[in-house]
Amino acid sequence: AKAMLWVDQHSCIGCRWCACVARSTFQMEDEYGTAMVVQQGGDNEDTVQEAIDVCMADCIHYITRDELAELEEYRDKFQDDLMAKSYHGSRLVGWGDGGG
């Protein structure tokens, strides 16, 4: 396929609409509660377009295969750090007296 689907998980608000509409294409990721593409071409084009249309965060995008490879590599390297900062504030240590 020339156009691949990508969910910007940093923008996703976890509403679950895409996963409800296009069940074979999108699923909710367990750790952070954000959507992700689990199967390219899992649903027909109209169903995928409906999922894109109902996305309140506008975080589902068509990209090229090369862009997808780059984004997946970047996600594999940095996803946990970026999501921790996004979902738990920029402070990654506790407020207690115990160092850090």
PDB file of N, CA and C in Angstrom:
ATOM      1  N   ALA A   1       0.842  -1.187   0.000  1.00  0.00           N
ATOM      2  CA  ALA A   1       0.000   0.000   0.000  1.00  0.00           C
ATOM      3  C   ALA A   1       0.884   1.245   0.000  1.00  0.00           C
ATOM      4  N   LYS A   2       0.500   2.238  -0.779  1.00  0.00           N
ATOM      5  CA  LYS A   2       1.255   3.486  -0.826  1.00  0.00           C
ATOM      6  C   LYS A   2       1.016   4.310   0.418  1.00  0.00           C
ATOM      7  N   ALA A   3      -0.205   4.300   0.918  1.00  0.00           N
ATOM      8  CA  ALA A   3      -0.543   5.083   2.109  1.00  0.00           C
ATOM      9  C   ALA A   3      -0.753   4.137   3.288  1.00  0.00           C
ATOM     10  N   MET A   4      -0.039   4.416   4.368  1.00  0.00           N
ATOM     11  CA  MET A   4      -0.136   3.613   5.579  1.00  0.00           C
ATOM     12  C   MET A   4      -0.788   4.456   6.665  1.00  0.00           C
ATOM     13  N   LEU A   5      -1.423   3.810   7.631  1.00  0.00           N
ATOM     14  CA  LEU A   5      -2.050   4.522   8.738  1.00  0.00           C
ATOM     15  C   LEU A   5      -1.096   4.654   9.908  1.00  0.00           C
ATOM     16  N   TRP A   6      -1.176   5.766  10.597  1.00  0.00           N
ATOM     17  CA  TRP A   6      -0.353   6.033  11.770  1.00  0.00           C
ATOM     18  C   TRP A   6      -1.206   6.770  12.784  1.00  0.00           C
ATOM     19  N   VAL A   7      -1.119   6.380  14.055  1.00  0.00           N
ATOM     20  CA  VAL A   7      -1.778   7.097  15.143  1.00  0.00           C
ATOM     21  C   VAL A   7      -0.701   7.836  15.925  1.00  0.00           C
ATOM     22  N   ASP A   8      -0.839   9.138  16.022  1.00  0.00           N
ATOM     23  CA  ASP A   8       0.057   9.943  16.852  1.00  0.00           C
ATOM     24  C   ASP A   8      -0.390   9.742  18.295  1.00  0.00           C
ATOM     25  N   GLN A   9       0.275   8.847  18.997  1.00  0.00           N
ATOM     26  CA  GLN A   9      -0.152   8.471  20.339  1.00  0.00           C
ATOM     27  C   GLN A   9       0.018   9.594  21.355  1.00  0.00           C
ATOM     28  N   HIS A  10       0.836  10.574  21.050  1.00  0.00           N
ATOM     29  CA  HIS A  10       0.990  11.706  21.966  1.00  0.00           C
ATOM     30  C   HIS A  10      -0.215  12.633  21.908  1.00  0.00           C
ATOM     31  N   SER A  11      -0.928  12.618  20.783  1.00  0.00           N
ATOM     32  CA  SER A  11      -2.125  13.444  20.628  1.00  0.00           C
ATOM     33  C   SER A  11      -3.396  12.687  20.984  1.00  0.00           C
ATOM     34  N   CYS A  12      -3.341  11.371  20.992  1.00  0.00           N
ATOM     35  CA  CYS A  12      -4.525  10.541  21.250  1.00  0.00           C
ATOM     36  C   CYS A  12      -5.043  10.784  22.666  1.00  0.00           C
ATOM     37  N   ILE A  13      -6.367  10.948  22.782  1.00  0.00           N
ATOM     38  CA  ILE A  13      -6.975  11.181  24.094  1.00  0.00           C
ATOM     39  C   ILE A  13      -7.622   9.920  24.660  1.00  0.00           C
ATOM     40  N   GLY A  14      -7.521   8.808  23.936  1.00  0.00           N
ATOM     41  CA  GLY A  14      -8.027   7.537  24.436  1.00  0.00           C
ATOM     42  C   GLY A  14      -9.537   7.408  24.403  1.00  0.00           C
ATOM     43  N   CYS A  15     -10.191   8.066  23.453  1.00  0.00           N
ATOM     44  CA  CYS A  15     -11.667   8.040  23.412  1.00  0.00           C
ATOM     45  C   CYS A  15     -12.228   6.694  22.943  1.00  0.00           C
ATOM     46  N   ARG A  16     -11.436   5.896  22.269  1.00  0.00           N
ATOM     47  CA  ARG A  16     -11.788   4.549  21.817  1.00  0.00           C
ATOM     48  C   ARG A  16     -12.697   4.496  20.590  1.00  0.00           C
ATOM     49  N   TRP A  17     -13.069   5.631  20.016  1.00  0.00           N
ATOM     50  CA  TRP A  17     -13.988   5.613  18.879  1.00  0.00           C
ATOM     51  C   TRP A  17     -13.405   4.884  17.684  1.00  0.00           C
ATOM     52  N   CYS A  18     -12.138   5.127  17.371  1.00  0.00           N
ATOM     53  CA  CYS A  18     -11.554   4.474  16.194  1.00  0.00           C
ATOM     54  C   CYS A  18     -11.560   2.954  16.356  1.00  0.00           C
ATOM     55  N   ALA A  19     -11.243   2.479  17.554  1.00  0.00           N
ATOM     56  CA  ALA A  19     -11.200   1.042  17.816  1.00  0.00           C
ATOM     57  C   ALA A  19     -12.594   0.421  17.791  1.00  0.00           C
ATOM     58  N   CYS A  20     -13.610   1.214  18.105  1.00  0.00           N
ATOM     59  CA  CYS A  20     -14.989   0.718  18.042  1.00  0.00           C
ATOM     60  C   CYS A  20     -15.493   0.659  16.602  1.00  0.00           C
ATOM     61  N   VAL A  21     -15.068   1.614  15.785  1.00  0.00           N
ATOM     62  CA  VAL A  21     -15.541   1.685  14.401  1.00  0.00           C
ATOM     63  C   VAL A  21     -14.778   0.721  13.508  1.00  0.00           C
ATOM     64  N   ALA A  22     -13.471   0.759  13.552  1.00  0.00           N
ATOM     65  CA  ALA A  22     -12.622  -0.071  12.686  1.00  0.00           C
ATOM     66  C   ALA A  22     -11.865  -1.070  13.553  1.00  0.00           C
ATOM     67  N   ARG A  23     -12.554  -2.088  13.985  1.00  0.00           N
ATOM     68  CA  ARG A  23     -12.033  -3.029  14.980  1.00  0.00           C
ATOM     69  C   ARG A  23     -10.850  -3.858  14.504  1.00  0.00           C
ATOM     70  N   SER A  24     -10.759  -4.092  13.205  1.00  0.00           N
ATOM     71  CA  SER A  24      -9.644  -4.893  12.694  1.00  0.00           C
ATOM     72  C   SER A  24      -8.404  -4.053  12.429  1.00  0.00           C
ATOM     73  N   THR A  25      -8.557  -2.734  12.435  1.00  0.00           N
ATOM     74  CA  THR A  25      -7.439  -1.840  12.141  1.00  0.00           C
ATOM     75  C   THR A  25      -6.841  -1.239  13.401  1.00  0.00           C
ATOM     76  N   PHE A  26      -7.677  -0.829  14.356  1.00  0.00           N
ATOM     77  CA  PHE A  26      -7.213  -0.129  15.546  1.00  0.00           C
ATOM     78  C   PHE A  26      -7.516  -0.907  16.815  1.00  0.00           C
ATOM     79  N   GLN A  27      -6.624  -0.786  17.790  1.00  0.00           N
ATOM     80  CA  GLN A  27      -6.843  -1.310  19.134  1.00  0.00           C
ATOM     81  C   GLN A  27      -6.322  -0.290  20.121  1.00  0.00           C
ATOM     82  N   MET A  28      -6.788  -0.404  21.344  1.00  0.00           N
ATOM     83  CA  MET A  28      -6.286   0.468  22.399  1.00  0.00           C
ATOM     84  C   MET A  28      -5.069  -0.195  23.030  1.00  0.00           C
ATOM     85  N   GLU A  29      -4.011   0.572  23.197  1.00  0.00           N
ATOM     86  CA  GLU A  29      -2.778   0.095  23.793  1.00  0.00           C
ATOM     87  C   GLU A  29      -2.976   0.048  25.305  1.00  0.00           C
ATOM     88  N   ASP A  30      -2.611  -1.039  25.930  1.00  0.00           N
ATOM     89  CA  ASP A  30      -2.900  -1.259  27.348  1.00  0.00           C
ATOM     90  C   ASP A  30      -2.180  -0.311  28.297  1.00  0.00           C
ATOM     91  N   GLU A  31      -0.904  -0.072  28.070  1.00  0.00           N
ATOM     92  CA  GLU A  31      -0.109   0.659  29.052  1.00  0.00           C
ATOM     93  C   GLU A  31      -0.528   2.119  29.217  1.00  0.00           C
ATOM     94  N   TYR A  32      -0.783   2.809  28.095  1.00  0.00           N
ATOM     95  CA  TYR A  32      -1.106   4.230  28.181  1.00  0.00           C
ATOM     96  C   TYR A  32      -2.540   4.543  27.771  1.00  0.00           C
ATOM     97  N   GLY A  33      -3.287   3.556  27.294  1.00  0.00           N
ATOM     98  CA  GLY A  33      -4.683   3.772  26.927  1.00  0.00           C
ATOM     99  C   GLY A  33      -4.874   4.576  25.660  1.00  0.00           C
ATOM    100  N   THR A  34      -3.905   4.509  24.761  1.00  0.00           N
ATOM    101  CA  THR A  34      -4.000   5.226  23.499  1.00  0.00           C
ATOM    102  C   THR A  34      -4.228   4.243  22.363  1.00  0.00           C
ATOM    103  N   ALA A  35      -4.734   4.752  21.255  1.00  0.00           N
ATOM    104  CA  ALA A  35      -5.007   3.909  20.094  1.00  0.00           C
ATOM    105  C   ALA A  35      -3.724   3.612  19.336  1.00  0.00           C
ATOM    106  N   MET A  36      -3.739   2.497  18.628  1.00  0.00           N
ATOM    107  CA  MET A  36      -2.625   2.155  17.755  1.00  0.00           C
ATOM    108  C   MET A  36      -3.151   1.320  16.595  1.00  0.00           C
ATOM    109  N   VAL A  37      -2.449   1.367  15.483  1.00  0.00           N
ATOM    110  CA  VAL A  37      -2.803   0.564  14.317  1.00  0.00           C
ATOM    111  C   VAL A  37      -2.249  -0.832  14.540  1.00  0.00           C
ATOM    112  N   VAL A  38      -3.123  -1.830  14.440  1.00  0.00           N
ATOM    113  CA  VAL A  38      -2.673  -3.208  14.632  1.00  0.00           C
ATOM    114  C   VAL A  38      -2.631  -3.986  13.326  1.00  0.00           C
ATOM    115  N   GLN A  39      -3.357  -3.496  12.302  1.00  0.00           N
ATOM    116  CA  GLN A  39      -3.343  -4.190  11.016  1.00  0.00           C
ATOM    117  C   GLN A  39      -3.643  -3.192   9.906  1.00  0.00           C
ATOM    118  N   GLN A  40      -2.658  -2.953   9.060  1.00  0.00           N
ATOM    119  CA  GLN A  40      -2.880  -2.110   7.891  1.00  0.00           C
ATOM    120  C   GLN A  40      -3.845  -2.837   6.959  1.00  0.00           C
ATOM    121  N   GLY A  41      -4.873  -2.153   6.493  1.00  0.00           N
ATOM    122  CA  GLY A  41      -5.845  -2.773   5.594  1.00  0.00           C
ATOM    123  C   GLY A  41      -6.773  -3.745   6.286  1.00  0.00           C
ATOM    124  N   GLY A  42      -6.894  -3.646   7.598  1.00  0.00           N
ATOM    125  CA  GLY A  42      -7.746  -4.566   8.347  1.00  0.00           C
ATOM    126  C   GLY A  42      -9.226  -4.360   8.097  1.00  0.00           C
ATOM    127  N   ASP A  43      -9.611  -3.137   7.762  1.00  0.00           N
ATOM    128  CA  ASP A  43     -11.002  -2.810   7.458  1.00  0.00           C
ATOM    129  C   ASP A  43     -11.052  -2.148   6.083  1.00  0.00           C
ATOM    130  N   ASN A  44     -12.253  -2.080   5.492  1.00  0.00           N
ATOM    131  CA  ASN A  44     -12.369  -1.444   4.177  1.00  0.00           C
ATOM    132  C   ASN A  44     -12.169   0.068   4.306  1.00  0.00           C
ATOM    133  N   GLU A  45     -11.921   0.731   3.190  1.00  0.00           N
ATOM    134  CA  GLU A  45     -11.578   2.159   3.184  1.00  0.00           C
ATOM    135  C   GLU A  45     -12.653   3.031   3.823  1.00  0.00           C
ATOM    136  N   ASP A  46     -13.925   2.721   3.569  1.00  0.00           N
ATOM    137  CA  ASP A  46     -15.013   3.524   4.144  1.00  0.00           C
ATOM    138  C   ASP A  46     -15.037   3.425   5.666  1.00  0.00           C
ATOM    139  N   THR A  47     -14.789   2.248   6.194  1.00  0.00           N
ATOM    140  CA  THR A  47     -14.784   2.052   7.638  1.00  0.00           C
ATOM    141  C   THR A  47     -13.615   2.794   8.273  1.00  0.00           C
ATOM    142  N   VAL A  48     -12.447   2.714   7.661  1.00  0.00           N
ATOM    143  CA  VAL A  48     -11.281   3.423   8.172  1.00  0.00           C
ATOM    144  C   VAL A  48     -11.516   4.927   8.109  1.00  0.00           C
ATOM    145  N   GLN A  49     -12.101   5.407   7.013  1.00  0.00           N
ATOM    146  CA  GLN A  49     -12.376   6.836   6.892  1.00  0.00           C
ATOM    147  C   GLN A  49     -13.363   7.293   7.962  1.00  0.00           C
ATOM    148  N   GLU A  50     -14.347   6.467   8.275  1.00  0.00           N
ATOM    149  CA  GLU A  50     -15.284   6.805   9.350  1.00  0.00           C
ATOM    150  C   GLU A  50     -14.553   6.904  10.691  1.00  0.00           C
ATOM    151  N   ALA A  51     -13.619   5.983  10.941  1.00  0.00           N
ATOM    152  CA  ALA A  51     -12.832   6.031  12.180  1.00  0.00           C
ATOM    153  C   ALA A  51     -12.001   7.311  12.237  1.00  0.00           C
ATOM    154  N   ILE A  52     -11.429   7.714  11.123  1.00  0.00           N
ATOM    155  CA  ILE A  52     -10.657   8.953  11.066  1.00  0.00           C
ATOM    156  C   ILE A  52     -11.572  10.146  11.326  1.00  0.00           C
ATOM    157  N   ASP A  53     -12.760  10.121  10.738  1.00  0.00           N
ATOM    158  CA  ASP A  53     -13.706  11.233  10.881  1.00  0.00           C
ATOM    159  C   ASP A  53     -14.215  11.401  12.308  1.00  0.00           C
ATOM    160  N   VAL A  54     -14.355  10.306  13.056  1.00  0.00           N
ATOM    161  CA  VAL A  54     -14.874  10.419  14.424  1.00  0.00           C
ATOM    162  C   VAL A  54     -13.780  10.687  15.454  1.00  0.00           C
ATOM    163  N   CYS A  55     -12.522  10.691  15.023  1.00  0.00           N
ATOM    164  CA  CYS A  55     -11.411  10.937  15.949  1.00  0.00           C
ATOM    165  C   CYS A  55     -11.447  12.379  16.435  1.00  0.00           C
ATOM    166  N   MET A  56     -11.717  12.563  17.712  1.00  0.00           N
ATOM    167  CA  MET A  56     -11.817  13.901  18.297  1.00  0.00           C
ATOM    168  C   MET A  56     -10.466  14.603  18.377  1.00  0.00           C
ATOM    169  N   ALA A  57      -9.390  13.848  18.461  1.00  0.00           N
ATOM    170  CA  ALA A  57      -8.056  14.432  18.599  1.00  0.00           C
ATOM    171  C   ALA A  57      -7.369  14.638  17.253  1.00  0.00           C
ATOM    172  N   ASP A  58      -7.982  14.163  16.184  1.00  0.00           N
ATOM    173  CA  ASP A  58      -7.405  14.284  14.843  1.00  0.00           C
ATOM    174  C   ASP A  58      -5.974  13.744  14.821  1.00  0.00           C
ATOM    175  N   CYS A  59      -5.803  12.544  15.380  1.00  0.00           N
ATOM    176  CA  CYS A  59      -4.453  11.997  15.529  1.00  0.00           C
ATOM    177  C   CYS A  59      -4.177  10.800  14.616  1.00  0.00           C
ATOM    178  N   ILE A  60      -5.090  10.484  13.696  1.00  0.00           N
ATOM    179  CA  ILE A  60      -4.893   9.375  12.761  1.00  0.00           C
ATOM    180  C   ILE A  60      -4.499   9.967  11.416  1.00  0.00           C
ATOM    181  N   HIS A  61      -3.380   9.490  10.869  1.00  0.00           N
ATOM    182  CA  HIS A  61      -2.845  10.084   9.646  1.00  0.00           C
ATOM    183  C   HIS A  61      -2.458   9.010   8.643  1.00  0.00           C
ATOM    184  N   TYR A  62      -2.574   9.352   7.358  1.00  0.00           N
ATOM    185  CA  TYR A  62      -2.001   8.538   6.298  1.00  0.00           C
ATOM    186  C   TYR A  62      -0.580   9.027   6.059  1.00  0.00           C
ATOM    187  N   ILE A  63       0.360   8.100   5.990  1.00  0.00           N
ATOM    188  CA  ILE A  63       1.764   8.431   5.744  1.00  0.00           C
ATOM    189  C   ILE A  63       2.333   7.426   4.751  1.00  0.00           C
ATOM    190  N   THR A  64       3.548   7.674   4.289  1.00  0.00           N
ATOM    191  CA  THR A  64       4.191   6.737   3.363  1.00  0.00           C
ATOM    192  C   THR A  64       4.792   5.564   4.144  1.00  0.00           C
ATOM    193  N   ARG A  65       5.125   4.537   3.424  1.00  0.00           N
ATOM    194  CA  ARG A  65       5.753   3.359   4.044  1.00  0.00           C
ATOM    195  C   ARG A  65       7.096   3.726   4.678  1.00  0.00           C
ATOM    196  N   ASP A  66       7.869   4.593   4.015  1.00  0.00           N
ATOM    197  CA  ASP A  66       9.165   5.017   4.569  1.00  0.00           C
ATOM    198  C   ASP A  66       8.969   5.803   5.863  1.00  0.00           C
ATOM    199  N   GLU A  67       7.982   6.703   5.884  1.00  0.00           N
ATOM    200  CA  GLU A  67       7.694   7.465   7.098  1.00  0.00           C
ATOM    201  C   GLU A  67       7.273   6.538   8.227  1.00  0.00           C
ATOM    202  N   LEU A  68       6.466   5.526   7.895  1.00  0.00           N
ATOM    203  CA  LEU A  68       6.026   4.566   8.902  1.00  0.00           C
ATOM    204  C   LEU A  68       7.212   3.835   9.516  1.00  0.00           C
ATOM    205  N   ALA A  69       8.151   3.410   8.692  1.00  0.00           N
ATOM    206  CA  ALA A  69       9.335   2.714   9.198  1.00  0.00           C
ATOM    207  C   ALA A  69      10.123   3.615  10.140  1.00  0.00           C
ATOM    208  N   GLU A  70      10.290   4.885   9.774  1.00  0.00           N
ATOM    209  CA  GLU A  70      11.011   5.829  10.633  1.00  0.00           C
ATOM    210  C   GLU A  70      10.288   6.064  11.949  1.00  0.00           C
ATOM    211  N   LEU A  71       8.978   6.277  11.879  1.00  0.00           N
ATOM    212  CA  LEU A  71       8.207   6.546  13.091  1.00  0.00           C
ATOM    213  C   LEU A  71       8.177   5.341  14.021  1.00  0.00           C
ATOM    214  N   GLU A  72       8.069   4.149  13.457  1.00  0.00           N
ATOM    215  CA  GLU A  72       8.076   2.949  14.295  1.00  0.00           C
ATOM    216  C   GLU A  72       9.430   2.762  14.977  1.00  0.00           C
ATOM    217  N   GLU A  73      10.507   3.044  14.261  1.00  0.00           N
ATOM    218  CA  GLU A  73      11.832   2.943  14.862  1.00  0.00           C
ATOM    219  C   GLU A  73      11.983   3.960  15.998  1.00  0.00           C
ATOM    220  N   TYR A  74      11.542   5.169  15.755  1.00  0.00           N
ATOM    221  CA  TYR A  74      11.594   6.221  16.773  1.00  0.00           C
ATOM    222  C   TYR A  74      10.751   5.836  17.989  1.00  0.00           C
ATOM    223  N   ARG A  75       9.546   5.303  17.729  1.00  0.00           N
ATOM    224  CA  ARG A  75       8.665   4.880  18.821  1.00  0.00           C
ATOM    225  C   ARG A  75       9.311   3.780  19.650  1.00  0.00           C
ATOM    226  N   ASP A  76       9.920   2.817  18.997  1.00  0.00           N
ATOM    227  CA  ASP A  76      10.552   1.715  19.722  1.00  0.00           C
ATOM    228  C   ASP A  76      11.677   2.198  20.628  1.00  0.00           C
ATOM    229  N   LYS A  77      12.393   3.246  20.206  1.00  0.00           N
ATOM    230  CA  LYS A  77      13.509   3.759  21.004  1.00  0.00           C
ATOM    231  C   LYS A  77      13.065   4.682  22.131  1.00  0.00           C
ATOM    232  N   PHE A  78      12.057   5.523  21.886  1.00  0.00           N
ATOM    233  CA  PHE A  78      11.779   6.621  22.802  1.00  0.00           C
ATOM    234  C   PHE A  78      10.364   6.661  23.372  1.00  0.00           C
ATOM    235  N   GLN A  79       9.492   5.751  22.996  1.00  0.00           N
ATOM    236  CA  GLN A  79       8.084   5.819  23.390  1.00  0.00           C
ATOM    237  C   GLN A  79       7.878   5.883  24.900  1.00  0.00           C
ATOM    238  N   ASP A  80       8.521   5.023  25.644  1.00  0.00           N
ATOM    239  CA  ASP A  80       8.294   4.996  27.092  1.00  0.00           C
ATOM    240  C   ASP A  80       8.686   6.310  27.750  1.00  0.00           C
ATOM    241  N   ASP A  81       9.813   6.876  27.359  1.00  0.00           N
ATOM    242  CA  ASP A  81      10.248   8.151  27.930  1.00  0.00           C
ATOM    243  C   ASP A  81       9.285   9.276  27.572  1.00  0.00           C
ATOM    244  N   LEU A  82       8.891   9.343  26.303  1.00  0.00           N
ATOM    245  CA  LEU A  82       8.001  10.418  25.867  1.00  0.00           C
ATOM    246  C   LEU A  82       6.624  10.309  26.504  1.00  0.00           C
ATOM    247  N   MET A  83       6.102   9.107  26.585  1.00  0.00           N
ATOM    248  CA  MET A  83       4.767   8.930  27.162  1.00  0.00           C
ATOM    249  C   MET A  83       4.794   9.209  28.656  1.00  0.00           C
ATOM    250  N   ALA A  84       5.861   8.846  29.330  1.00  0.00           N
ATOM    251  CA  ALA A  84       5.961   9.120  30.762  1.00  0.00           C
ATOM    252  C   ALA A  84       5.927  10.622  31.009  1.00  0.00           C
ATOM    253  N   LYS A  85       6.626  11.371  30.182  1.00  0.00           N
ATOM    254  CA  LYS A  85       6.621  12.829  30.331  1.00  0.00           C
ATOM    255  C   LYS A  85       5.262  13.410  29.964  1.00  0.00           C
ATOM    256  N   SER A  86       4.623  12.885  28.931  1.00  0.00           N
ATOM    257  CA  SER A  86       3.330  13.406  28.485  1.00  0.00           C
ATOM    258  C   SER A  86       2.222  13.115  29.482  1.00  0.00           C
ATOM    259  N   TYR A  87       2.216  11.916  30.027  1.00  0.00           N
ATOM    260  CA  TYR A  87       1.100  11.496  30.858  1.00  0.00           C
ATOM    261  C   TYR A  87       1.323  11.698  32.349  1.00  0.00           C
ATOM    262  N   HIS A  88       2.552  11.966  32.757  1.00  0.00           N
ATOM    263  CA  HIS A  88       2.828  12.112  34.186  1.00  0.00           C
ATOM    264  C   HIS A  88       3.563  13.416  34.492  1.00  0.00           C
ATOM    265  N   GLY A  89       3.466  14.366  33.581  1.00  0.00           N
ATOM    266  CA  GLY A  89       4.155  15.632  33.786  1.00  0.00           C
ATOM    267  C   GLY A  89       5.616  15.517  33.424  1.00  0.00           C
ATOM    268  N   SER A  90       6.326  16.611  33.470  1.00  0.00           N
ATOM    269  CA  SER A  90       7.723  16.603  33.073  1.00  0.00           C
ATOM    270  C   SER A  90       8.633  16.122  34.197  1.00  0.00           C
ATOM    271  N   ARG A  91       8.111  15.987  35.396  1.00  0.00           N
ATOM    272  CA  ARG A  91       8.909  15.552  36.534  1.00  0.00           C
ATOM    273  C   ARG A  91       8.806  14.037  36.664  1.00  0.00           C
ATOM    274  N   LEU A  92       9.932  13.353  36.548  1.00  0.00           N
ATOM    275  CA  LEU A  92       9.924  11.902  36.567  1.00  0.00           C
ATOM    276  C   LEU A  92      10.342  11.310  37.910  1.00  0.00           C
ATOM    277  N   VAL A  93      10.540  12.163  38.925  1.00  0.00           N
ATOM    278  CA  VAL A  93      10.885  11.680  40.260  1.00  0.00           C
ATOM    279  C   VAL A  93       9.848  12.188  41.240  1.00  0.00           C
ATOM    280  N   GLY A  94       9.757  11.521  42.377  1.00  0.00           N
ATOM    281  CA  GLY A  94       8.783  11.919  43.396  1.00  0.00           C
ATOM    282  C   GLY A  94       9.133  13.221  44.063  1.00  0.00           C
ATOM    283  N   TRP A  95       8.190  13.770  44.790  1.00  0.00           N
ATOM    284  CA  TRP A  95       8.372  15.046  45.488  1.00  0.00           C
ATOM    285  C   TRP A  95       8.931  14.855  46.889  1.00  0.00           C
ATOM    286  N   GLY A  96       9.176  13.640  47.312  1.00  0.00           N
ATOM    287  CA  GLY A  96       9.624  13.379  48.677  1.00  0.00           C
ATOM    288  C   GLY A  96      11.018  13.893  48.977  1.00  0.00           C
ATOM    289  N   ASP A  97      11.462  13.682  50.198  1.00  0.00           N
ATOM    290  CA  ASP A  97      12.771  14.157  50.646  1.00  0.00           C
ATOM    291  C   ASP A  97      13.900  13.239  50.202  1.00  0.00           C
ATOM    292  N   GLY A  98      13.601  12.079  49.655  1.00  0.00           N
ATOM    293  CA  GLY A  98      14.600  11.061  49.389  1.00  0.00           C
ATOM    294  C   GLY A  98      15.407  11.235  48.139  1.00  0.00           C
ATOM    295  N   GLY A  99      16.057  12.315  47.941  1.00  0.00           N
ATOM    296  CA  GLY A  99      16.977  12.480  46.814  1.00  0.00           C
ATOM    297  C   GLY A  99      16.249  12.772  45.510  1.00  0.00           C
ATOM    298  N   GLY A 100      17.003  12.744  44.436  1.00  0.00           N
ATOM    299  CA  GLY A 100      16.450  12.969  43.104  1.00  0.00           C
ATOM    300  C   GLY A 100      16.323  14.386  42.831  1.00  0.00           C
TER     301      GLY A 100
END
